[in-house]
Amino acid sequence: MNPGQLLQGTVCYWRDDKGFGFIATDSGERLFFHIRDFETAPQHRPQQGDLLRFQLGLDKHHRPCALALQLATANTILPTPPTKTISPKGPVMHQIQHQAWCFRYLFFVLLLLSLLAGSFAFTVPLFYLEASLFTYWLYQIDKKLASSGQQSRLPEESLQMFSLIGGWPGAWLAQKRLHHKVHKAPFQREFRFVIYGNSCFLLWLLSESGTEFLHKVALF
């Protein structure tokens, strides 16, 4: 999505006493809007479920927001583009698959080294760094697709999966630096569970029972 682009979305949250709310766009993003940013006074106060047309803008912190708002009517509703998925033969998907294979190879190399050494202690930081770099790169790709207005997006399950296996520090950094997925409440709830689950697993690996398990695996 680019500043100045005409979009439409549905009011998913509205606080009438403060005069602001959030719009869920057709691409799944959540954008802030204020009652003062309507082009003309609306026929009624916004409420959850209203369809709005607006121009994409930036607030004073350079975050995306909705400006020049209008209540959508039958004559102003924009045609909704069909939802697409990334073709497995497309260049972006090919690049992602190539990077994913490199990630898997490096993972198995680290796993082999740790088994030979009889301990995972020195490989865990390297693995988290590798997973975080790859996950950050995935967020960059998805952000570029969203910013260009394309409906083709990376599945959110893939972003969460790579966060779960150790890439959540990179995902957290990408969300903060790229302002991506930060306003999607369901995604953020899942992301918090991902961090909790991965942290619990890591703490177990570092515990006495986890260490015994790793030694058994190494001996096997």
N, C-alpha and C. Protein backbone atom coordinates (compact mmCIF):
# COMPACT_ATOMS: atom_id res chain seq x y z
N MET A 1 0.84 -1.19 0.00
CA MET A 1 0.00 0.00 0.00
C MET A 1 0.88 1.24 0.00
N ASN A 2 0.52 2.19 -0.84
CA ASN A 2 1.29 3.41 -0.98
C ASN A 2 0.48 4.61 -0.51
N PRO A 3 1.13 5.62 0.13
CA PRO A 3 0.41 6.83 0.53
C PRO A 3 -0.29 7.48 -0.65
N GLY A 4 -1.53 7.91 -0.44
CA GLY A 4 -2.33 8.49 -1.50
C GLY A 4 -3.23 7.50 -2.20
N GLN A 5 -3.01 6.22 -1.96
CA GLN A 5 -3.80 5.17 -2.61
C GLN A 5 -5.23 5.17 -2.05
N LEU A 6 -6.22 5.02 -2.94
CA LEU A 6 -7.62 4.94 -2.52
C LEU A 6 -7.94 3.51 -2.12
N LEU A 7 -8.48 3.35 -0.93
CA LEU A 7 -8.79 2.02 -0.40
C LEU A 7 -10.17 2.04 0.24
N GLN A 8 -10.60 0.88 0.65
CA GLN A 8 -11.83 0.78 1.41
C GLN A 8 -11.66 -0.30 2.47
N GLY A 9 -12.44 -0.20 3.51
CA GLY A 9 -12.36 -1.18 4.58
C GLY A 9 -13.56 -1.06 5.50
N THR A 10 -13.61 -1.94 6.46
CA THR A 10 -14.74 -2.01 7.39
C THR A 10 -14.29 -1.56 8.77
N VAL A 11 -15.12 -0.77 9.42
CA VAL A 11 -14.81 -0.33 10.78
C VAL A 11 -14.85 -1.56 11.70
N CYS A 12 -13.70 -1.89 12.28
CA CYS A 12 -13.64 -3.06 13.16
C CYS A 12 -13.60 -2.66 14.64
N TYR A 13 -13.35 -1.37 14.89
CA TYR A 13 -13.37 -0.87 16.27
C TYR A 13 -13.71 0.61 16.22
N TRP A 14 -14.58 1.05 17.12
CA TRP A 14 -14.94 2.47 17.16
C TRP A 14 -15.20 2.88 18.60
N ARG A 15 -14.52 3.95 19.03
CA ARG A 15 -14.74 4.51 20.37
C ARG A 15 -15.37 5.88 20.18
N ASP A 16 -16.67 5.93 20.36
CA ASP A 16 -17.42 7.13 20.01
C ASP A 16 -17.09 8.31 20.91
N ASP A 17 -16.81 8.05 22.20
CA ASP A 17 -16.53 9.16 23.11
C ASP A 17 -15.21 9.85 22.80
N LYS A 18 -14.29 9.14 22.15
CA LYS A 18 -13.00 9.72 21.77
C LYS A 18 -12.94 10.11 20.30
N GLY A 19 -13.88 9.59 19.51
CA GLY A 19 -13.92 9.96 18.10
C GLY A 19 -12.88 9.31 17.23
N PHE A 20 -12.41 8.12 17.61
CA PHE A 20 -11.44 7.43 16.77
C PHE A 20 -11.75 5.94 16.73
N GLY A 21 -11.12 5.26 15.78
CA GLY A 21 -11.32 3.82 15.66
C GLY A 21 -10.30 3.23 14.71
N PHE A 22 -10.57 1.99 14.29
CA PHE A 22 -9.68 1.28 13.37
C PHE A 22 -10.50 0.68 12.23
N ILE A 23 -9.88 0.68 11.06
CA ILE A 23 -10.49 0.11 9.86
C ILE A 23 -9.72 -1.15 9.48
N ALA A 24 -10.44 -2.23 9.20
CA ALA A 24 -9.82 -3.44 8.66
C ALA A 24 -9.93 -3.38 7.14
N THR A 25 -8.79 -3.33 6.46
CA THR A 25 -8.79 -3.23 5.01
C THR A 25 -9.02 -4.59 4.38
N ASP A 26 -9.25 -4.58 3.07
CA ASP A 26 -9.47 -5.84 2.35
C ASP A 26 -8.24 -6.73 2.38
N SER A 27 -7.05 -6.13 2.56
CA SER A 27 -5.81 -6.92 2.60
C SER A 27 -5.47 -7.40 4.00
N GLY A 28 -6.32 -7.05 4.99
CA GLY A 28 -6.12 -7.55 6.35
C GLY A 28 -5.39 -6.61 7.28
N GLU A 29 -4.99 -5.42 6.81
CA GLU A 29 -4.31 -4.46 7.68
C GLU A 29 -5.33 -3.70 8.53
N ARG A 30 -4.89 -3.23 9.69
CA ARG A 30 -5.72 -2.38 10.56
C ARG A 30 -5.14 -0.97 10.54
N LEU A 31 -5.99 0.02 10.20
CA LEU A 31 -5.55 1.40 10.09
C LEU A 31 -6.33 2.30 11.04
N PHE A 32 -5.63 3.20 11.68
CA PHE A 32 -6.25 4.17 12.59
C PHE A 32 -6.99 5.24 11.80
N PHE A 33 -8.13 5.70 12.31
CA PHE A 33 -8.80 6.85 11.70
C PHE A 33 -9.49 7.67 12.79
N HIS A 34 -9.71 8.96 12.49
CA HIS A 34 -10.34 9.88 13.44
C HIS A 34 -11.53 10.55 12.76
N ILE A 35 -12.52 10.91 13.55
CA ILE A 35 -13.74 11.51 13.02
C ILE A 35 -13.44 12.82 12.27
N ARG A 36 -12.38 13.52 12.68
CA ARG A 36 -12.06 14.80 12.04
C ARG A 36 -11.51 14.62 10.63
N ASP A 37 -11.13 13.40 10.26
CA ASP A 37 -10.50 13.17 8.96
C ASP A 37 -11.50 12.79 7.87
N PHE A 38 -12.82 12.90 8.15
CA PHE A 38 -13.82 12.71 7.10
C PHE A 38 -13.80 13.93 6.17
N GLU A 39 -13.95 13.66 4.86
CA GLU A 39 -13.96 14.76 3.89
C GLU A 39 -15.11 15.72 4.15
N THR A 40 -16.29 15.15 4.40
CA THR A 40 -17.47 15.93 4.78
C THR A 40 -18.11 15.24 5.98
N ALA A 41 -18.92 15.98 6.70
CA ALA A 41 -19.57 15.40 7.87
C ALA A 41 -20.40 14.19 7.45
N PRO A 42 -20.15 13.02 8.06
CA PRO A 42 -20.91 11.81 7.68
C PRO A 42 -22.37 11.91 8.08
N GLN A 43 -23.21 11.13 7.41
CA GLN A 43 -24.65 11.14 7.69
C GLN A 43 -24.93 10.64 9.11
N HIS A 44 -24.07 9.80 9.61
CA HIS A 44 -24.21 9.33 10.99
C HIS A 44 -22.82 9.04 11.55
N ARG A 45 -22.73 8.97 12.85
CA ARG A 45 -21.45 8.67 13.48
C ARG A 45 -21.00 7.27 13.05
N PRO A 46 -19.70 7.08 12.84
CA PRO A 46 -19.23 5.75 12.46
C PRO A 46 -19.60 4.72 13.51
N GLN A 47 -19.80 3.51 13.08
CA GLN A 47 -20.05 2.41 13.99
C GLN A 47 -19.46 1.14 13.41
N GLN A 48 -19.24 0.18 14.26
CA GLN A 48 -18.62 -1.07 13.83
C GLN A 48 -19.44 -1.73 12.72
N GLY A 49 -18.74 -2.11 11.65
CA GLY A 49 -19.40 -2.72 10.51
C GLY A 49 -19.60 -1.79 9.34
N ASP A 50 -19.45 -0.47 9.55
CA ASP A 50 -19.58 0.49 8.45
C ASP A 50 -18.47 0.28 7.41
N LEU A 51 -18.85 0.42 6.15
CA LEU A 51 -17.87 0.34 5.06
C LEU A 51 -17.43 1.76 4.71
N LEU A 52 -16.13 2.00 4.72
CA LEU A 52 -15.58 3.34 4.47
C LEU A 52 -14.63 3.32 3.29
N ARG A 53 -14.68 4.40 2.53
CA ARG A 53 -13.66 4.67 1.51
C ARG A 53 -12.71 5.71 2.09
N PHE A 54 -11.43 5.60 1.76
CA PHE A 54 -10.47 6.54 2.33
C PHE A 54 -9.20 6.58 1.49
N GLN A 55 -8.38 7.55 1.83
CA GLN A 55 -7.08 7.69 1.19
C GLN A 55 -6.01 7.31 2.21
N LEU A 56 -5.07 6.48 1.79
CA LEU A 56 -4.01 6.06 2.69
C LEU A 56 -3.06 7.22 2.96
N GLY A 57 -2.81 7.49 4.22
CA GLY A 57 -1.89 8.56 4.60
C GLY A 57 -0.94 8.11 5.68
N LEU A 58 -0.17 9.05 6.21
CA LEU A 58 0.78 8.78 7.28
C LEU A 58 0.53 9.76 8.42
N ASP A 59 0.62 9.27 9.65
CA ASP A 59 0.48 10.17 10.79
C ASP A 59 1.81 10.85 11.10
N LYS A 60 1.89 11.59 12.18
CA LYS A 60 3.10 12.34 12.50
C LYS A 60 4.27 11.43 12.85
N HIS A 61 3.98 10.17 13.16
CA HIS A 61 5.04 9.19 13.43
C HIS A 61 5.34 8.33 12.20
N HIS A 62 4.81 8.76 11.05
CA HIS A 62 5.02 8.07 9.77
C HIS A 62 4.43 6.66 9.77
N ARG A 63 3.35 6.48 10.51
CA ARG A 63 2.63 5.21 10.49
C ARG A 63 1.42 5.33 9.58
N PRO A 64 1.07 4.25 8.86
CA PRO A 64 -0.09 4.31 7.96
C PRO A 64 -1.37 4.63 8.72
N CYS A 65 -2.22 5.47 8.13
CA CYS A 65 -3.52 5.79 8.72
C CYS A 65 -4.50 6.12 7.60
N ALA A 66 -5.77 6.26 7.94
CA ALA A 66 -6.81 6.54 6.95
C ALA A 66 -7.17 8.02 6.99
N LEU A 67 -7.18 8.66 5.80
CA LEU A 67 -7.52 10.08 5.68
C LEU A 67 -8.61 10.25 4.62
N ALA A 68 -9.17 11.45 4.52
CA ALA A 68 -10.19 11.77 3.50
C ALA A 68 -11.27 10.70 3.46
N LEU A 69 -11.84 10.41 4.60
CA LEU A 69 -12.79 9.31 4.74
C LEU A 69 -14.16 9.67 4.19
N GLN A 70 -14.86 8.64 3.67
CA GLN A 70 -16.24 8.76 3.22
C GLN A 70 -16.97 7.48 3.57
N LEU A 71 -18.24 7.63 3.94
CA LEU A 71 -19.08 6.44 4.09
C LEU A 71 -19.35 5.88 2.70
N ALA A 72 -19.05 4.62 2.49
CA ALA A 72 -19.22 4.02 1.17
C ALA A 72 -20.69 3.82 0.87
N THR A 73 -21.06 4.11 -0.38
CA THR A 73 -22.41 3.87 -0.88
C THR A 73 -22.33 2.91 -2.05
N ALA A 74 -23.48 2.55 -2.58
CA ALA A 74 -23.50 1.61 -3.71
C ALA A 74 -22.74 2.17 -4.91
N ASN A 75 -22.68 3.51 -5.02
CA ASN A 75 -22.00 4.13 -6.17
C ASN A 75 -20.51 4.33 -5.95
N THR A 76 -20.07 4.23 -4.70
CA THR A 76 -18.66 4.52 -4.41
C THR A 76 -17.86 3.30 -3.99
N ILE A 77 -18.52 2.16 -3.81
CA ILE A 77 -17.80 0.97 -3.37
C ILE A 77 -16.80 0.54 -4.44
N LEU A 78 -15.57 0.34 -4.02
CA LEU A 78 -14.54 -0.12 -4.95
C LEU A 78 -14.69 -1.61 -5.20
N PRO A 79 -14.42 -2.07 -6.42
CA PRO A 79 -14.47 -3.51 -6.67
C PRO A 79 -13.41 -4.22 -5.85
N THR A 80 -13.80 -5.30 -5.21
CA THR A 80 -12.87 -6.06 -4.39
C THR A 80 -12.07 -7.01 -5.27
N PRO A 81 -10.74 -6.87 -5.31
CA PRO A 81 -9.93 -7.77 -6.13
C PRO A 81 -9.98 -9.18 -5.58
N PRO A 82 -9.93 -10.18 -6.44
CA PRO A 82 -9.95 -11.56 -5.96
C PRO A 82 -8.72 -11.87 -5.14
N THR A 83 -8.91 -12.64 -4.09
CA THR A 83 -7.79 -13.05 -3.25
C THR A 83 -6.91 -14.02 -4.01
N LYS A 84 -5.62 -13.74 -3.96
CA LYS A 84 -4.67 -14.59 -4.67
C LYS A 84 -3.70 -15.19 -3.67
N THR A 85 -3.11 -16.27 -4.06
CA THR A 85 -2.01 -16.84 -3.30
C THR A 85 -0.77 -16.81 -4.17
N ILE A 86 0.37 -16.85 -3.53
CA ILE A 86 1.61 -16.80 -4.28
C ILE A 86 1.77 -18.09 -5.07
N SER A 87 1.98 -17.96 -6.34
CA SER A 87 2.17 -19.13 -7.18
C SER A 87 3.48 -19.81 -6.82
N PRO A 88 3.48 -21.14 -6.67
CA PRO A 88 4.72 -21.83 -6.34
C PRO A 88 5.76 -21.70 -7.42
N LYS A 89 5.35 -21.24 -8.61
CA LYS A 89 6.31 -21.09 -9.71
C LYS A 89 6.79 -19.65 -9.84
N GLY A 90 6.25 -18.75 -9.01
CA GLY A 90 6.64 -17.35 -9.11
C GLY A 90 8.05 -17.13 -8.61
N PRO A 91 8.69 -16.02 -9.03
CA PRO A 91 10.07 -15.76 -8.63
C PRO A 91 10.23 -15.54 -7.14
N VAL A 92 9.24 -14.88 -6.50
CA VAL A 92 9.34 -14.65 -5.06
C VAL A 92 9.30 -15.97 -4.31
N MET A 93 8.34 -16.84 -4.68
CA MET A 93 8.23 -18.12 -4.00
C MET A 93 9.46 -18.98 -4.25
N HIS A 94 10.01 -18.91 -5.46
CA HIS A 94 11.22 -19.68 -5.77
C HIS A 94 12.37 -19.23 -4.87
N GLN A 95 12.50 -17.91 -4.67
CA GLN A 95 13.56 -17.39 -3.81
C GLN A 95 13.34 -17.82 -2.37
N ILE A 96 12.09 -17.79 -1.92
CA ILE A 96 11.79 -18.21 -0.55
C ILE A 96 12.12 -19.69 -0.36
N GLN A 97 11.75 -20.52 -1.34
CA GLN A 97 12.04 -21.95 -1.24
C GLN A 97 13.54 -22.20 -1.20
N HIS A 98 14.29 -21.44 -2.01
CA HIS A 98 15.75 -21.59 -2.02
C HIS A 98 16.33 -21.23 -0.65
N GLN A 99 15.88 -20.10 -0.10
CA GLN A 99 16.36 -19.68 1.21
C GLN A 99 15.96 -20.68 2.29
N ALA A 100 14.75 -21.23 2.17
CA ALA A 100 14.29 -22.21 3.16
C ALA A 100 15.16 -23.46 3.14
N TRP A 101 15.55 -23.90 1.94
CA TRP A 101 16.43 -25.07 1.85
C TRP A 101 17.79 -24.78 2.47
N CYS A 102 18.32 -23.59 2.23
CA CYS A 102 19.60 -23.20 2.86
C CYS A 102 19.47 -23.21 4.37
N PHE A 103 18.33 -22.72 4.86
CA PHE A 103 18.09 -22.71 6.30
C PHE A 103 18.08 -24.13 6.85
N ARG A 104 17.41 -25.04 6.13
CA ARG A 104 17.35 -26.43 6.60
C ARG A 104 18.72 -27.07 6.60
N TYR A 105 19.52 -26.83 5.56
CA TYR A 105 20.87 -27.39 5.51
C TYR A 105 21.72 -26.91 6.68
N LEU A 106 21.67 -25.60 6.95
CA LEU A 106 22.44 -25.06 8.05
C LEU A 106 21.97 -25.63 9.39
N PHE A 107 20.66 -25.83 9.50
CA PHE A 107 20.12 -26.41 10.73
C PHE A 107 20.68 -27.81 10.97
N PHE A 108 20.69 -28.64 9.94
CA PHE A 108 21.18 -30.00 10.10
C PHE A 108 22.69 -30.03 10.34
N VAL A 109 23.41 -29.06 9.76
CA VAL A 109 24.85 -28.97 10.04
C VAL A 109 25.07 -28.65 11.52
N LEU A 110 24.31 -27.68 12.04
CA LEU A 110 24.41 -27.34 13.46
C LEU A 110 24.00 -28.52 14.34
N LEU A 111 22.97 -29.23 13.93
CA LEU A 111 22.52 -30.39 14.68
C LEU A 111 23.60 -31.46 14.73
N LEU A 112 24.25 -31.71 13.58
CA LEU A 112 25.32 -32.71 13.52
C LEU A 112 26.49 -32.30 14.41
N LEU A 113 26.87 -31.03 14.35
CA LEU A 113 27.98 -30.55 15.18
C LEU A 113 27.66 -30.69 16.67
N SER A 114 26.43 -30.39 17.03
CA SER A 114 26.05 -30.50 18.43
C SER A 114 26.04 -31.95 18.90
N LEU A 115 25.60 -32.86 18.03
CA LEU A 115 25.61 -34.28 18.38
C LEU A 115 27.04 -34.79 18.55
N LEU A 116 27.93 -34.35 17.68
CA LEU A 116 29.33 -34.76 17.78
C LEU A 116 29.97 -34.21 19.05
N ALA A 117 29.57 -33.02 19.43
CA ALA A 117 30.13 -32.41 20.63
C ALA A 117 29.45 -32.91 21.90
N GLY A 118 28.29 -33.53 21.75
CA GLY A 118 27.56 -34.04 22.90
C GLY A 118 26.80 -32.98 23.68
N SER A 119 26.67 -31.79 23.11
CA SER A 119 25.98 -30.71 23.80
C SER A 119 25.41 -29.73 22.78
N PHE A 120 24.25 -29.17 23.12
CA PHE A 120 23.62 -28.17 22.26
C PHE A 120 23.96 -26.75 22.71
N ALA A 121 24.71 -26.62 23.79
CA ALA A 121 24.89 -25.31 24.41
C ALA A 121 25.49 -24.27 23.47
N PHE A 122 26.51 -24.67 22.70
CA PHE A 122 27.17 -23.67 21.86
C PHE A 122 26.46 -23.45 20.53
N THR A 123 25.55 -24.35 20.17
CA THR A 123 24.85 -24.20 18.89
C THR A 123 23.52 -23.46 19.02
N VAL A 124 22.95 -23.42 20.23
CA VAL A 124 21.65 -22.77 20.40
C VAL A 124 21.67 -21.29 20.00
N PRO A 125 22.65 -20.49 20.47
CA PRO A 125 22.67 -19.08 20.03
C PRO A 125 22.80 -18.94 18.51
N LEU A 126 23.63 -19.79 17.90
CA LEU A 126 23.80 -19.72 16.44
C LEU A 126 22.50 -20.07 15.73
N PHE A 127 21.81 -21.08 16.25
CA PHE A 127 20.55 -21.49 15.62
C PHE A 127 19.50 -20.39 15.73
N TYR A 128 19.40 -19.76 16.90
CA TYR A 128 18.43 -18.68 17.07
C TYR A 128 18.76 -17.49 16.17
N LEU A 129 20.05 -17.22 16.01
CA LEU A 129 20.46 -16.12 15.13
C LEU A 129 20.08 -16.43 13.69
N GLU A 130 20.35 -17.65 13.26
CA GLU A 130 20.02 -18.05 11.89
C GLU A 130 18.51 -18.00 11.65
N ALA A 131 17.74 -18.57 12.58
CA ALA A 131 16.29 -18.58 12.44
C ALA A 131 15.72 -17.16 12.46
N SER A 132 16.29 -16.29 13.28
CA SER A 132 15.80 -14.91 13.38
C SER A 132 16.08 -14.13 12.10
N LEU A 133 17.27 -14.32 11.53
CA LEU A 133 17.60 -13.62 10.28
C LEU A 133 16.65 -14.05 9.16
N PHE A 134 16.38 -15.35 9.08
CA PHE A 134 15.50 -15.86 8.04
C PHE A 134 14.07 -15.35 8.24
N THR A 135 13.60 -15.35 9.49
CA THR A 135 12.24 -14.89 9.77
C THR A 135 12.10 -13.40 9.50
N TYR A 136 13.12 -12.62 9.85
CA TYR A 136 13.11 -11.18 9.54
C TYR A 136 13.00 -10.97 8.04
N TRP A 137 13.73 -11.77 7.28
CA TRP A 137 13.69 -11.66 5.81
C TRP A 137 12.30 -11.98 5.29
N LEU A 138 11.63 -12.97 5.87
CA LEU A 138 10.26 -13.30 5.46
C LEU A 138 9.32 -12.12 5.71
N TYR A 139 9.45 -11.48 6.86
CA TYR A 139 8.63 -10.30 7.16
C TYR A 139 8.89 -9.18 6.15
N GLN A 140 10.16 -9.00 5.76
CA GLN A 140 10.48 -7.98 4.76
C GLN A 140 9.77 -8.26 3.44
N ILE A 141 9.80 -9.52 3.01
CA ILE A 141 9.14 -9.91 1.76
C ILE A 141 7.64 -9.63 1.85
N ASP A 142 7.01 -10.04 2.96
CA ASP A 142 5.57 -9.86 3.10
C ASP A 142 5.21 -8.38 3.18
N LYS A 143 6.05 -7.58 3.83
CA LYS A 143 5.81 -6.14 3.92
C LYS A 143 5.89 -5.49 2.54
N LYS A 144 6.86 -5.91 1.72
CA LYS A 144 6.99 -5.35 0.37
C LYS A 144 5.76 -5.70 -0.47
N LEU A 145 5.27 -6.93 -0.34
CA LEU A 145 4.09 -7.34 -1.08
C LEU A 145 2.87 -6.51 -0.65
N ALA A 146 2.75 -6.26 0.65
CA ALA A 146 1.62 -5.47 1.15
C ALA A 146 1.73 -4.01 0.72
N SER A 147 2.94 -3.45 0.76
CA SER A 147 3.14 -2.04 0.42
C SER A 147 2.92 -1.77 -1.05
N SER A 148 3.17 -2.78 -1.89
CA SER A 148 2.99 -2.60 -3.33
C SER A 148 1.54 -2.79 -3.76
N GLY A 149 0.66 -3.09 -2.80
CA GLY A 149 -0.76 -3.24 -3.11
C GLY A 149 -1.13 -4.60 -3.66
N GLN A 150 -0.19 -5.55 -3.66
CA GLN A 150 -0.49 -6.88 -4.18
C GLN A 150 -1.31 -7.66 -3.16
N GLN A 151 -2.21 -8.48 -3.68
CA GLN A 151 -3.01 -9.34 -2.82
C GLN A 151 -2.28 -10.63 -2.49
N SER A 152 -1.23 -10.94 -3.26
CA SER A 152 -0.44 -12.14 -3.01
C SER A 152 0.40 -11.91 -1.76
N ARG A 153 0.20 -12.74 -0.76
CA ARG A 153 0.89 -12.56 0.51
C ARG A 153 1.42 -13.90 0.99
N LEU A 154 2.39 -13.84 1.88
CA LEU A 154 2.88 -15.05 2.51
C LEU A 154 1.86 -15.51 3.55
N PRO A 155 1.65 -16.81 3.67
CA PRO A 155 0.70 -17.29 4.69
C PRO A 155 1.19 -16.90 6.09
N GLU A 156 0.27 -16.43 6.92
CA GLU A 156 0.65 -16.07 8.28
C GLU A 156 1.14 -17.29 9.05
N GLU A 157 0.66 -18.48 8.68
CA GLU A 157 1.11 -19.69 9.36
C GLU A 157 2.61 -19.91 9.19
N SER A 158 3.14 -19.52 8.01
CA SER A 158 4.57 -19.68 7.78
C SER A 158 5.38 -18.75 8.68
N LEU A 159 4.90 -17.51 8.82
CA LEU A 159 5.59 -16.56 9.69
C LEU A 159 5.60 -17.06 11.14
N GLN A 160 4.47 -17.59 11.58
CA GLN A 160 4.38 -18.08 12.95
C GLN A 160 5.20 -19.36 13.14
N MET A 161 5.26 -20.20 12.11
CA MET A 161 5.99 -21.46 12.23
C MET A 161 7.48 -21.20 12.44
N PHE A 162 8.05 -20.30 11.61
CA PHE A 162 9.48 -20.02 11.75
C PHE A 162 9.77 -19.26 13.04
N SER A 163 8.79 -18.53 13.55
CA SER A 163 8.96 -17.90 14.86
C SER A 163 8.98 -18.96 15.95
N LEU A 164 8.13 -19.98 15.80
CA LEU A 164 8.02 -21.02 16.81
C LEU A 164 9.30 -21.84 16.95
N ILE A 165 9.99 -22.09 15.83
CA ILE A 165 11.19 -22.93 15.90
C ILE A 165 12.43 -22.14 16.30
N GLY A 166 12.27 -20.87 16.63
CA GLY A 166 13.41 -20.11 17.13
C GLY A 166 13.60 -18.74 16.52
N GLY A 167 12.78 -18.40 15.52
CA GLY A 167 12.97 -17.13 14.84
C GLY A 167 12.17 -15.98 15.41
N TRP A 168 11.56 -16.17 16.59
CA TRP A 168 10.70 -15.11 17.13
C TRP A 168 11.46 -13.82 17.47
N PRO A 169 12.75 -13.85 17.88
CA PRO A 169 13.43 -12.55 18.08
C PRO A 169 13.49 -11.73 16.79
N GLY A 170 13.76 -12.40 15.67
CA GLY A 170 13.77 -11.70 14.39
C GLY A 170 12.40 -11.21 13.99
N ALA A 171 11.36 -12.01 14.30
CA ALA A 171 9.99 -11.60 14.00
C ALA A 171 9.60 -10.38 14.83
N TRP A 172 9.97 -10.40 16.11
CA TRP A 172 9.66 -9.26 17.00
C TRP A 172 10.34 -7.99 16.49
N LEU A 173 11.62 -8.12 16.09
CA LEU A 173 12.34 -6.95 15.59
C LEU A 173 11.72 -6.44 14.29
N ALA A 174 11.31 -7.37 13.41
CA ALA A 174 10.70 -6.99 12.14
C ALA A 174 9.38 -6.26 12.37
N GLN A 175 8.58 -6.74 13.31
CA GLN A 175 7.31 -6.08 13.61
C GLN A 175 7.54 -4.65 14.09
N LYS A 176 8.55 -4.45 14.92
CA LYS A 176 8.81 -3.12 15.47
C LYS A 176 9.41 -2.18 14.42
N ARG A 177 10.36 -2.68 13.62
CA ARG A 177 11.06 -1.82 12.67
C ARG A 177 10.24 -1.59 11.40
N LEU A 178 9.51 -2.62 10.96
CA LEU A 178 8.76 -2.50 9.71
C LEU A 178 7.30 -2.11 9.94
N HIS A 179 6.87 -2.07 11.20
CA HIS A 179 5.46 -1.78 11.54
C HIS A 179 4.54 -2.74 10.77
N HIS A 180 4.89 -4.01 10.82
CA HIS A 180 4.14 -5.02 10.07
C HIS A 180 3.49 -6.01 11.03
N LYS A 181 2.20 -6.24 10.84
CA LYS A 181 1.40 -7.17 11.65
C LYS A 181 1.18 -6.69 13.09
N VAL A 182 1.55 -5.46 13.39
CA VAL A 182 1.45 -5.00 14.78
C VAL A 182 0.02 -4.66 15.19
N HIS A 183 -0.86 -4.39 14.22
CA HIS A 183 -2.23 -4.00 14.54
C HIS A 183 -3.23 -5.15 14.36
N LYS A 184 -2.74 -6.34 14.04
CA LYS A 184 -3.64 -7.49 13.86
C LYS A 184 -3.70 -8.25 15.18
N ALA A 185 -4.77 -8.02 15.93
CA ALA A 185 -4.89 -8.60 17.27
C ALA A 185 -4.80 -10.12 17.28
N PRO A 186 -5.53 -10.85 16.39
CA PRO A 186 -5.41 -12.32 16.41
C PRO A 186 -3.99 -12.79 16.15
N PHE A 187 -3.30 -12.15 15.20
CA PHE A 187 -1.92 -12.53 14.90
C PHE A 187 -1.02 -12.29 16.11
N GLN A 188 -1.21 -11.16 16.79
CA GLN A 188 -0.39 -10.84 17.95
C GLN A 188 -0.64 -11.80 19.10
N ARG A 189 -1.90 -12.23 19.27
CA ARG A 189 -2.19 -13.22 20.31
C ARG A 189 -1.47 -14.53 20.02
N GLU A 190 -1.52 -14.97 18.76
CA GLU A 190 -0.81 -16.19 18.38
C GLU A 190 0.69 -16.03 18.57
N PHE A 191 1.20 -14.85 18.24
CA PHE A 191 2.64 -14.60 18.35
C PHE A 191 3.09 -14.68 19.81
N ARG A 192 2.28 -14.18 20.73
CA ARG A 192 2.64 -14.27 22.16
C ARG A 192 2.67 -15.72 22.61
N PHE A 193 1.72 -16.54 22.14
CA PHE A 193 1.74 -17.97 22.47
C PHE A 193 2.97 -18.65 21.88
N VAL A 194 3.37 -18.22 20.67
CA VAL A 194 4.56 -18.77 20.03
C VAL A 194 5.80 -18.50 20.88
N ILE A 195 5.95 -17.26 21.34
CA ILE A 195 7.10 -16.91 22.18
C ILE A 195 7.08 -17.72 23.47
N TYR A 196 5.92 -17.83 24.07
CA TYR A 196 5.79 -18.58 25.32
C TYR A 196 6.14 -20.05 25.10
N GLY A 197 5.61 -20.65 24.03
CA GLY A 197 5.88 -22.05 23.76
C GLY A 197 7.35 -22.32 23.48
N ASN A 198 7.97 -21.47 22.67
CA ASN A 198 9.38 -21.67 22.36
C ASN A 198 10.26 -21.46 23.59
N SER A 199 9.92 -20.47 24.40
CA SER A 199 10.71 -20.19 25.61
C SER A 199 10.61 -21.34 26.60
N CYS A 200 9.42 -21.91 26.75
CA CYS A 200 9.24 -23.06 27.65
C CYS A 200 10.06 -24.25 27.17
N PHE A 201 10.05 -24.49 25.86
CA PHE A 201 10.82 -25.61 25.31
C PHE A 201 12.32 -25.38 25.53
N LEU A 202 12.79 -24.15 25.32
CA LEU A 202 14.21 -23.85 25.52
C LEU A 202 14.60 -24.02 26.98
N LEU A 203 13.76 -23.55 27.90
CA LEU A 203 14.06 -23.72 29.33
C LEU A 203 14.10 -25.19 29.71
N TRP A 204 13.22 -25.98 29.10
CA TRP A 204 13.25 -27.42 29.39
C TRP A 204 14.54 -28.05 28.88
N LEU A 205 14.99 -27.64 27.68
CA LEU A 205 16.24 -28.18 27.15
C LEU A 205 17.42 -27.86 28.05
N LEU A 206 17.37 -26.70 28.70
CA LEU A 206 18.47 -26.28 29.57
C LEU A 206 18.35 -26.86 30.97
N SER A 207 17.22 -27.51 31.26
CA SER A 207 17.03 -28.11 32.58
C SER A 207 17.77 -29.44 32.67
N GLU A 208 17.76 -30.02 33.85
CA GLU A 208 18.46 -31.29 34.06
C GLU A 208 17.85 -32.40 33.21
N SER A 209 16.52 -32.48 33.19
CA SER A 209 15.87 -33.53 32.38
C SER A 209 16.11 -33.31 30.90
N GLY A 210 16.11 -32.05 30.47
CA GLY A 210 16.39 -31.76 29.07
C GLY A 210 17.81 -32.11 28.70
N THR A 211 18.75 -31.83 29.60
CA THR A 211 20.15 -32.17 29.35
C THR A 211 20.34 -33.67 29.25
N GLU A 212 19.66 -34.42 30.12
CA GLU A 212 19.73 -35.89 30.06
C GLU A 212 19.19 -36.39 28.73
N PHE A 213 18.09 -35.80 28.29
CA PHE A 213 17.51 -36.20 27.00
C PHE A 213 18.49 -35.93 25.86
N LEU A 214 19.15 -34.77 25.88
CA LEU A 214 20.10 -34.43 24.83
C LEU A 214 21.29 -35.37 24.84
N HIS A 215 21.74 -35.76 26.03
CA HIS A 215 22.86 -36.70 26.11
C HIS A 215 22.47 -38.06 25.55
N LYS A 216 21.22 -38.48 25.82
CA LYS A 216 20.75 -39.75 25.26
C LYS A 216 20.70 -39.70 23.75
N VAL A 217 20.22 -38.58 23.21
CA VAL A 217 20.18 -38.40 21.76
C VAL A 217 21.58 -38.42 21.18
N ALA A 218 22.52 -37.75 21.86
CA ALA A 218 23.90 -37.69 21.37
C ALA A 218 24.53 -39.07 21.37
N LEU A 219 24.28 -39.85 22.45
CA LEU A 219 24.85 -41.19 22.53
C LEU A 219 24.24 -42.12 21.50
N PHE A 220 22.94 -41.91 21.22
CA PHE A 220 22.26 -42.74 20.23
C PHE A 220 22.86 -42.47 18.84
